[in-house]
N, C-alpha and C. Protein backbone atom coordinates (compact mmCIF):
# COMPACT_ATOMS: atom_id res chain seq x y z
N MET A 1 217.88 -133.69 68.62
CA MET A 1 219.23 -133.57 68.17
C MET A 1 219.41 -132.20 67.42
N ARG A 2 218.33 -131.91 66.79
CA ARG A 2 218.33 -130.53 65.88
C ARG A 2 218.69 -129.56 66.99
N TYR A 3 218.11 -129.46 68.27
CA TYR A 3 218.28 -128.36 69.11
C TYR A 3 219.96 -128.23 69.51
N LEU A 4 220.42 -129.48 69.65
CA LEU A 4 221.79 -129.71 70.33
C LEU A 4 222.56 -129.10 68.85
N TYR A 5 222.54 -129.34 67.73
CA TYR A 5 223.27 -128.78 66.76
C TYR A 5 223.09 -127.31 66.30
N PHE A 6 221.77 -126.75 66.67
CA PHE A 6 221.41 -125.43 66.59
C PHE A 6 222.16 -124.75 67.75
N TRP A 7 222.15 -125.19 68.91
CA TRP A 7 222.85 -124.42 70.15
C TRP A 7 224.25 -124.51 70.05
N MET A 8 224.79 -125.66 69.44
CA MET A 8 226.41 -125.63 69.28
C MET A 8 226.66 -124.63 68.19
N GLY A 9 225.95 -124.64 67.22
CA GLY A 9 226.25 -123.59 66.16
C GLY A 9 226.11 -122.15 66.79
N ILE A 10 225.24 -121.82 67.48
CA ILE A 10 225.26 -120.52 68.08
C ILE A 10 226.44 -120.32 69.02
N ALA A 11 226.89 -121.19 69.73
CA ALA A 11 228.05 -121.10 70.62
C ALA A 11 229.23 -120.75 69.77
N ILE A 12 229.38 -121.63 68.81
CA ILE A 12 230.58 -121.59 67.87
C ILE A 12 230.62 -119.82 67.32
N LEU A 13 229.35 -119.51 67.00
CA LEU A 13 229.37 -118.37 66.35
C LEU A 13 229.59 -117.22 67.32
N PHE A 14 229.22 -117.31 68.60
CA PHE A 14 229.65 -116.17 69.50
C PHE A 14 231.00 -116.39 70.12
N ILE A 15 231.32 -117.56 69.89
CA ILE A 15 233.34 -117.64 70.13
C ILE A 15 233.89 -117.19 69.03
N LEU A 16 233.59 -117.32 67.77
CA LEU A 16 234.45 -116.69 66.67
C LEU A 16 234.03 -115.21 66.72
N THR A 17 232.94 -114.66 66.93
CA THR A 17 232.51 -113.24 66.96
C THR A 17 233.55 -112.65 68.05
N GLY A 18 233.46 -113.35 69.20
CA GLY A 18 234.06 -112.62 70.26
C GLY A 18 235.79 -112.66 70.26
N CYS A 19 236.21 -113.67 69.29
CA CYS A 19 237.80 -113.56 68.97
C CYS A 19 237.95 -112.51 68.03
N ASN A 20 237.08 -112.47 67.13
CA ASN A 20 237.28 -111.43 66.19
C ASN A 20 237.51 -110.21 66.69
N ALA A 21 236.40 -109.78 67.76
CA ALA A 21 236.33 -108.35 68.19
C ALA A 21 237.77 -108.03 69.07
N VAL A 22 238.35 -109.06 69.62
CA VAL A 22 239.62 -108.89 70.42
C VAL A 22 240.84 -108.59 69.47
N THR A 23 240.87 -109.53 68.40
CA THR A 23 242.04 -109.40 67.52
C THR A 23 241.69 -108.56 66.14
N GLY A 24 240.87 -107.82 66.14
CA GLY A 24 240.44 -106.96 65.03
C GLY A 24 241.68 -106.31 64.46
N THR A 25 241.37 -105.97 63.18
CA THR A 25 242.74 -105.63 62.50
C THR A 25 242.79 -104.07 62.73
N VAL A 26 243.86 -103.39 62.54
CA VAL A 26 244.32 -102.15 63.04
C VAL A 26 245.21 -101.60 61.89
N ASP A 27 244.68 -100.47 61.53
CA ASP A 27 245.55 -99.69 60.49
C ASP A 27 246.98 -99.57 61.04
N PRO A 28 248.13 -100.07 59.93
CA PRO A 28 249.33 -99.95 60.35
C PRO A 28 249.84 -98.71 60.81
N GLU A 29 249.24 -97.51 60.22
CA GLU A 29 249.68 -96.09 60.57
C GLU A 29 249.14 -95.70 62.03
N GLN A 30 248.12 -96.43 62.42
CA GLN A 30 247.58 -96.19 63.77
C GLN A 30 248.71 -96.97 65.00
N MET A 31 249.49 -97.64 64.29
CA MET A 31 250.16 -98.39 65.36
C MET A 31 251.83 -97.85 65.60
N THR A 32 252.08 -96.50 65.13
CA THR A 32 253.19 -95.79 65.32
C THR A 32 252.83 -94.43 65.72
N PRO A 33 253.73 -93.92 66.51
CA PRO A 33 253.54 -92.61 67.02
C PRO A 33 253.51 -91.53 65.97
N PRO A 34 252.97 -90.18 66.30
CA PRO A 34 252.76 -89.22 65.28
C PRO A 34 254.07 -88.75 64.86
N ASP A 35 254.29 -88.07 63.57
CA ASP A 35 255.44 -87.32 62.88
C ASP A 35 255.67 -86.09 63.93
N VAL A 36 256.88 -85.81 64.12
CA VAL A 36 257.27 -84.56 64.72
C VAL A 36 258.28 -83.75 63.96
N VAL A 37 257.89 -82.55 63.96
CA VAL A 37 258.65 -81.46 63.20
C VAL A 37 259.34 -80.43 64.14
N VAL A 38 260.46 -79.83 63.39
CA VAL A 38 260.98 -78.69 64.13
C VAL A 38 261.04 -77.53 63.31
N LYS A 39 260.57 -76.46 63.83
CA LYS A 39 260.15 -75.16 63.42
C LYS A 39 261.34 -74.06 63.91
N ILE A 40 262.08 -73.55 62.81
CA ILE A 40 263.09 -72.43 63.07
C ILE A 40 262.77 -71.43 62.06
N ASN A 41 262.75 -70.27 62.54
CA ASN A 41 262.64 -68.88 61.87
C ASN A 41 261.65 -69.09 60.65
N GLY A 42 260.31 -69.84 60.71
CA GLY A 42 259.53 -70.01 59.75
C GLY A 42 259.78 -71.23 58.92
N ASP A 43 260.71 -71.79 59.05
CA ASP A 43 261.18 -73.01 58.14
C ASP A 43 260.81 -74.33 59.06
N THR A 44 260.22 -75.38 58.36
CA THR A 44 259.90 -76.63 59.06
C THR A 44 260.94 -77.75 58.45
N TYR A 45 261.30 -78.53 59.47
CA TYR A 45 262.24 -79.57 59.44
C TYR A 45 261.82 -81.04 59.91
N GLU A 46 262.05 -81.89 59.15
CA GLU A 46 261.66 -83.17 59.66
C GLU A 46 262.56 -83.64 60.85
N THR A 47 262.06 -84.59 61.66
CA THR A 47 262.79 -85.15 62.61
C THR A 47 262.95 -86.99 62.26
N VAL A 48 263.93 -87.37 62.90
CA VAL A 48 264.09 -88.94 62.58
C VAL A 48 263.19 -89.52 63.91
N ARG A 49 262.44 -90.55 63.68
CA ARG A 49 261.73 -91.24 64.98
C ARG A 49 262.77 -92.31 65.34
N GLY A 50 263.05 -92.60 66.39
CA GLY A 50 263.70 -93.39 67.07
C GLY A 50 263.04 -94.63 67.71
N SER A 51 263.54 -95.26 68.92
CA SER A 51 262.73 -96.19 69.65
C SER A 51 261.34 -95.64 70.02
N PHE A 52 260.44 -96.47 69.95
CA PHE A 52 259.16 -96.23 70.46
C PHE A 52 258.32 -97.50 70.93
N CYS A 53 257.29 -97.10 71.92
CA CYS A 53 256.51 -98.21 72.02
C CYS A 53 254.96 -97.54 71.85
N TRP A 54 254.03 -98.17 71.10
CA TRP A 54 252.83 -97.47 70.68
C TRP A 54 251.75 -98.63 71.00
N SER A 55 250.42 -98.20 71.38
CA SER A 55 249.39 -99.16 71.33
C SER A 55 248.11 -98.44 70.82
N ASN A 56 247.45 -99.33 70.39
CA ASN A 56 245.78 -98.84 69.73
C ASN A 56 244.81 -99.95 69.74
N ASN A 57 243.77 -100.03 70.02
CA ASN A 57 242.81 -100.97 69.96
C ASN A 57 243.30 -102.18 70.55
N ARG A 58 243.96 -102.12 71.75
CA ARG A 58 244.20 -103.44 72.51
C ARG A 58 245.41 -104.11 72.10
N GLN A 59 245.99 -103.36 70.83
CA GLN A 59 247.33 -103.94 70.31
C GLN A 59 248.38 -102.98 70.48
N GLY A 60 249.51 -103.78 70.60
CA GLY A 60 250.87 -102.83 70.90
C GLY A 60 251.93 -103.08 70.02
N VAL A 61 252.89 -102.19 69.78
CA VAL A 61 254.19 -102.61 69.24
C VAL A 61 255.43 -101.84 69.67
N CYS A 62 256.48 -102.28 69.95
CA CYS A 62 257.57 -101.62 70.25
C CYS A 62 258.77 -101.86 69.46
N GLU A 63 259.44 -100.86 68.97
CA GLU A 63 260.63 -100.91 68.11
C GLU A 63 261.70 -100.23 68.76
N GLU A 64 262.88 -100.83 68.53
CA GLU A 64 264.08 -100.28 69.39
C GLU A 64 265.21 -99.79 68.10
N TYR A 65 265.46 -98.73 68.18
CA TYR A 65 266.64 -98.01 67.49
C TYR A 65 267.78 -97.67 67.93
N ALA A 66 268.78 -97.36 67.36
CA ALA A 66 269.90 -96.91 67.80
C ALA A 66 269.82 -95.48 68.25
N GLY A 67 271.00 -94.94 68.97
CA GLY A 67 270.69 -93.56 69.47
C GLY A 67 270.78 -92.60 68.40
N SER A 68 270.73 -91.22 68.86
CA SER A 68 270.43 -90.12 68.10
C SER A 68 271.63 -89.98 67.04
N VAL A 69 272.81 -90.23 67.50
CA VAL A 69 273.95 -90.03 66.86
C VAL A 69 274.00 -90.97 65.48
N GLU A 70 273.84 -92.27 65.85
CA GLU A 70 273.64 -93.07 64.82
C GLU A 70 272.17 -92.85 63.78
N LEU A 71 271.30 -92.45 64.47
CA LEU A 71 270.14 -92.09 63.40
C LEU A 71 270.49 -90.84 62.53
N LEU A 72 271.15 -90.07 63.01
CA LEU A 72 271.54 -88.82 62.25
C LEU A 72 272.83 -88.82 61.35
N ALA A 73 273.36 -90.13 61.36
CA ALA A 73 274.66 -90.21 60.60
C ALA A 73 274.79 -89.75 59.12
N ASP A 74 273.54 -89.84 58.34
CA ASP A 74 273.53 -89.46 57.09
C ASP A 74 272.78 -88.02 56.75
N LYS A 75 272.28 -87.53 58.02
CA LYS A 75 271.47 -86.24 57.79
C LYS A 75 272.05 -85.11 57.77
N GLU A 76 271.62 -84.18 56.88
CA GLU A 76 271.98 -82.91 56.85
C GLU A 76 271.45 -82.01 58.16
N PRO A 77 272.41 -81.45 58.82
CA PRO A 77 272.05 -80.39 59.94
C PRO A 77 270.98 -79.33 59.67
N ILE A 78 270.25 -79.08 60.58
CA ILE A 78 269.36 -77.78 60.37
C ILE A 78 270.32 -76.63 60.98
N VAL A 79 270.45 -75.69 60.24
CA VAL A 79 271.34 -74.52 60.44
C VAL A 79 270.65 -73.52 61.26
N ALA A 80 270.99 -72.90 62.40
CA ALA A 80 270.41 -71.93 63.35
C ALA A 80 271.21 -71.04 63.85
N ALA A 81 270.86 -69.80 64.12
CA ALA A 81 271.73 -68.64 64.85
C ALA A 81 271.79 -68.92 66.31
N PRO A 82 272.89 -68.63 66.81
CA PRO A 82 272.92 -68.97 68.10
C PRO A 82 271.81 -68.26 69.05
N GLY A 83 271.10 -68.82 70.01
CA GLY A 83 270.03 -68.41 70.63
C GLY A 83 268.57 -68.27 69.74
N GLU A 84 268.56 -68.60 68.69
CA GLU A 84 267.58 -68.87 67.87
C GLU A 84 266.35 -69.54 68.57
N GLU A 85 265.03 -69.38 68.58
CA GLU A 85 263.94 -69.88 69.03
C GLU A 85 263.61 -71.24 68.12
N VAL A 86 263.72 -72.38 68.74
CA VAL A 86 263.22 -73.69 68.27
C VAL A 86 261.97 -74.11 68.74
N THR A 87 261.14 -74.64 67.95
CA THR A 87 259.74 -74.87 68.34
C THR A 87 259.69 -76.66 67.80
N ILE A 88 259.24 -77.23 68.56
CA ILE A 88 258.98 -78.86 68.27
C ILE A 88 257.43 -78.76 68.12
N ASP A 89 257.05 -79.38 66.92
CA ASP A 89 255.57 -79.31 66.70
C ASP A 89 255.06 -80.74 66.23
N ILE A 90 253.85 -81.11 66.44
CA ILE A 90 253.41 -82.45 66.01
C ILE A 90 252.19 -81.91 65.19
N PRO A 91 252.25 -82.11 63.87
CA PRO A 91 251.26 -81.70 63.15
C PRO A 91 249.94 -82.17 63.24
N ASN A 92 249.84 -83.41 63.58
CA ASN A 92 248.31 -83.79 63.66
C ASN A 92 247.77 -83.54 64.97
N GLY A 93 248.47 -82.77 65.85
CA GLY A 93 247.85 -82.09 66.94
C GLY A 93 247.93 -82.89 68.00
N LEU A 94 248.35 -84.22 68.03
CA LEU A 94 248.32 -85.23 69.22
C LEU A 94 249.39 -84.57 70.22
N VAL A 95 248.99 -83.59 71.11
CA VAL A 95 250.07 -83.40 72.18
C VAL A 95 250.52 -84.14 73.02
N PRO A 96 251.55 -84.44 73.49
CA PRO A 96 252.09 -85.42 74.62
C PRO A 96 251.67 -84.98 75.87
N ASP A 97 251.40 -85.89 76.93
CA ASP A 97 251.25 -85.54 78.32
C ASP A 97 252.62 -85.02 78.97
N GLU A 98 253.66 -85.54 78.50
CA GLU A 98 255.06 -85.26 79.17
C GLU A 98 256.04 -85.46 78.01
N TYR A 99 257.12 -84.52 78.10
CA TYR A 99 258.35 -84.30 76.97
C TYR A 99 259.34 -83.91 77.66
N SER A 100 260.45 -84.27 77.10
CA SER A 100 261.72 -83.57 77.29
C SER A 100 262.59 -83.50 76.29
N VAL A 101 263.69 -82.59 76.26
CA VAL A 101 264.66 -82.33 75.25
C VAL A 101 266.06 -82.40 75.84
N ASP A 102 266.75 -82.88 74.98
CA ASP A 102 268.33 -82.97 75.45
C ASP A 102 269.20 -83.07 74.43
N PHE A 103 270.50 -82.69 74.41
CA PHE A 103 271.50 -82.70 73.38
C PHE A 103 272.78 -83.13 73.64
N SER A 104 273.49 -83.59 72.85
CA SER A 104 274.80 -84.08 72.85
C SER A 104 275.62 -83.43 72.00
N LEU A 105 276.79 -83.13 72.34
CA LEU A 105 277.87 -82.48 71.44
C LEU A 105 278.62 -83.28 70.55
N THR A 106 278.93 -84.46 71.02
CA THR A 106 279.62 -85.67 70.26
C THR A 106 278.93 -86.77 70.40
N ASN A 107 279.53 -88.06 69.96
CA ASN A 107 279.07 -89.35 69.91
C ASN A 107 279.36 -90.08 71.27
N GLN A 108 279.60 -89.34 72.32
CA GLN A 108 279.94 -89.71 73.61
C GLN A 108 278.58 -89.89 74.55
N TYR A 109 277.51 -89.30 73.94
CA TYR A 109 276.28 -89.33 74.74
C TYR A 109 276.46 -88.61 76.08
N GLU A 110 277.08 -87.41 75.98
CA GLU A 110 277.04 -86.64 77.31
C GLU A 110 275.80 -85.66 77.26
N ASN A 111 274.61 -86.41 77.41
CA ASN A 111 273.32 -85.45 77.24
C ASN A 111 273.19 -84.32 78.37
N HIS A 112 272.83 -83.35 77.70
CA HIS A 112 272.48 -82.10 78.50
C HIS A 112 271.09 -81.87 78.36
N VAL A 113 270.23 -81.91 79.33
CA VAL A 113 268.93 -81.74 79.53
C VAL A 113 268.69 -80.17 79.25
N ILE A 114 267.67 -79.83 78.49
CA ILE A 114 267.65 -78.13 78.29
C ILE A 114 265.98 -78.03 78.75
N LEU A 115 265.78 -76.71 78.91
CA LEU A 115 264.42 -76.29 79.52
C LEU A 115 263.78 -75.93 78.11
N ALA A 116 262.70 -76.77 78.19
CA ALA A 116 261.60 -76.33 77.04
C ALA A 116 260.34 -76.12 77.71
N VAL A 117 259.79 -75.17 77.16
CA VAL A 117 258.48 -74.60 77.70
C VAL A 117 257.43 -74.32 76.47
N ASP A 118 256.37 -75.33 76.51
CA ASP A 118 255.47 -75.13 75.38
C ASP A 118 256.30 -75.65 74.23
N HIS A 119 256.95 -76.50 74.20
CA HIS A 119 257.58 -77.28 73.26
C HIS A 119 258.65 -76.26 72.53
N LYS A 120 259.01 -75.09 73.18
CA LYS A 120 259.98 -74.23 72.62
C LYS A 120 261.40 -74.14 73.44
N PHE A 121 262.34 -74.06 72.81
CA PHE A 121 263.56 -73.72 73.61
C PHE A 121 264.48 -72.97 72.58
N THR A 122 265.69 -72.33 73.13
CA THR A 122 266.48 -71.53 72.33
C THR A 122 267.94 -72.39 72.07
N ALA A 123 268.29 -72.02 70.73
CA ALA A 123 269.47 -72.91 70.38
C ALA A 123 270.57 -72.39 71.17
N PRO A 124 271.51 -73.48 71.45
CA PRO A 124 272.70 -73.08 72.22
C PRO A 124 273.53 -71.86 71.61
N LYS A 125 274.18 -71.18 72.60
CA LYS A 125 274.78 -69.89 72.12
C LYS A 125 276.05 -70.18 71.58
N GLU A 126 276.91 -71.13 71.79
CA GLU A 126 278.03 -71.54 71.26
C GLU A 126 277.94 -72.14 69.83
N GLU A 127 278.64 -71.70 69.00
CA GLU A 127 278.72 -72.54 67.62
C GLU A 127 279.09 -73.89 67.62
N GLY A 128 278.59 -74.71 66.80
CA GLY A 128 279.05 -76.25 66.83
C GLY A 128 277.72 -77.09 66.44
N LEU A 129 277.98 -78.35 66.41
CA LEU A 129 276.98 -79.52 66.01
C LEU A 129 276.29 -79.98 67.20
N TYR A 130 274.96 -79.84 67.25
CA TYR A 130 274.42 -80.65 68.30
C TYR A 130 273.38 -81.56 67.92
N TYR A 131 273.45 -82.70 68.38
CA TYR A 131 272.64 -83.97 68.40
C TYR A 131 271.41 -83.87 69.47
N PHE A 132 270.32 -83.56 68.93
CA PHE A 132 269.17 -83.38 69.97
C PHE A 132 268.32 -84.64 70.06
N SER A 133 267.67 -84.85 71.06
CA SER A 133 266.59 -86.06 71.16
C SER A 133 265.41 -85.36 72.10
N TYR A 134 264.29 -85.60 71.54
CA TYR A 134 263.16 -85.35 72.05
C TYR A 134 262.38 -86.45 72.45
N PHE A 135 262.09 -86.69 73.66
CA PHE A 135 261.31 -87.70 74.14
C PHE A 135 259.73 -87.43 74.63
N ALA A 136 258.67 -88.07 73.91
CA ALA A 136 257.40 -87.62 74.19
C ALA A 136 256.68 -88.88 74.76
N ARG A 137 255.84 -88.78 75.90
CA ARG A 137 255.15 -89.93 76.26
C ARG A 137 253.44 -89.23 76.15
N TRP A 138 252.60 -90.19 75.65
CA TRP A 138 251.17 -90.08 75.56
C TRP A 138 250.45 -90.88 76.38
N LYS A 139 249.66 -90.59 77.37
CA LYS A 139 248.91 -91.27 78.22
C LYS A 139 248.23 -92.43 77.50
N ASN A 140 248.02 -93.56 77.76
CA ASN A 140 247.27 -94.56 77.33
C ASN A 140 247.55 -94.80 75.76
N LYS A 141 248.68 -94.30 75.14
CA LYS A 141 249.15 -94.49 73.87
C LYS A 141 250.53 -95.19 73.76
N GLY A 142 251.32 -94.45 74.47
CA GLY A 142 252.86 -95.01 74.42
C GLY A 142 253.80 -93.93 74.58
N ASN A 143 255.03 -94.06 74.01
CA ASN A 143 256.04 -93.05 73.98
C ASN A 143 257.07 -93.21 72.75
N ALA A 144 257.62 -92.23 72.61
CA ALA A 144 258.66 -92.27 71.49
C ALA A 144 259.86 -91.24 71.68
N PHE A 145 260.96 -91.45 71.07
CA PHE A 145 262.20 -90.66 70.80
C PHE A 145 262.37 -90.08 69.52
N TYR A 146 262.66 -88.74 69.39
CA TYR A 146 262.83 -88.36 68.07
C TYR A 146 264.23 -87.68 67.98
N ALA A 147 264.95 -87.71 66.84
CA ALA A 147 266.20 -87.00 66.92
C ALA A 147 266.17 -86.12 65.75
N PHE A 148 267.05 -84.94 66.07
CA PHE A 148 267.46 -83.96 65.06
C PHE A 148 268.72 -83.31 65.28
N LEU A 149 269.34 -82.84 64.24
CA LEU A 149 270.69 -82.25 64.32
C LEU A 149 270.50 -80.75 64.01
N ILE A 150 271.19 -80.13 64.68
CA ILE A 150 271.16 -78.56 64.55
C ILE A 150 272.58 -78.11 64.54
N GLU A 151 273.08 -77.50 63.56
CA GLU A 151 274.30 -76.75 63.47
C GLU A 151 274.15 -75.44 63.80
N VAL A 152 274.68 -75.04 65.11
CA VAL A 152 274.63 -73.58 65.57
C VAL A 152 275.72 -72.71 64.70
N ASP A 153 275.37 -71.67 63.95
CA ASP A 153 276.40 -71.01 63.28
C ASP A 153 275.85 -69.43 63.15
N GLU A 154 277.02 -68.49 63.59
CA GLU A 154 276.90 -67.43 63.59
C GLU A 154 276.01 -66.63 62.20
N SER A 155 276.80 -67.09 61.13
CA SER A 155 276.40 -66.66 59.98
C SER A 155 274.74 -67.00 59.50
N ALA A 156 274.20 -67.75 60.44
CA ALA A 156 272.66 -67.95 60.07
C ALA A 156 271.95 -66.76 60.61
N ARG A 157 272.42 -65.88 61.23
CA ARG A 157 271.82 -64.77 61.89
C ARG A 157 271.34 -63.72 60.82
N GLU A 158 271.67 -63.78 59.48
CA GLU A 158 271.16 -62.99 58.30
C GLU A 158 269.87 -62.79 58.13
């Protein structure tokens, strides 16, 4: 009978250990995509992270947010000169496998995809307020949308 209790105890120990390995705790900071910044003319600006899905250690989370216009409703725009180079940077170095950049001029979401090479593009040539979205996808990690607002102004050329 002692052997039966001994082996039952061992079995329970293996079961509990196995369950703990599958549902181990994960640092909450590892359950969100990295921060993304915008660099223009040597200055660095934060972006607003929007909707994302992210996974780590066999656990995942998805969060849904409004579009870029709503995310940026109370944000000050980044002022840039027409045609100025804009760089999107991820300070922690986690470079996405795929990305795209688009913008909208109004709250009607008439998105215009723009050519970005090596996470760089030029600001529009026409003055105005532009709502930008940056979409990034990391293989085996997840994806995220980021938003930032650029005001193209000829007087920023100084």
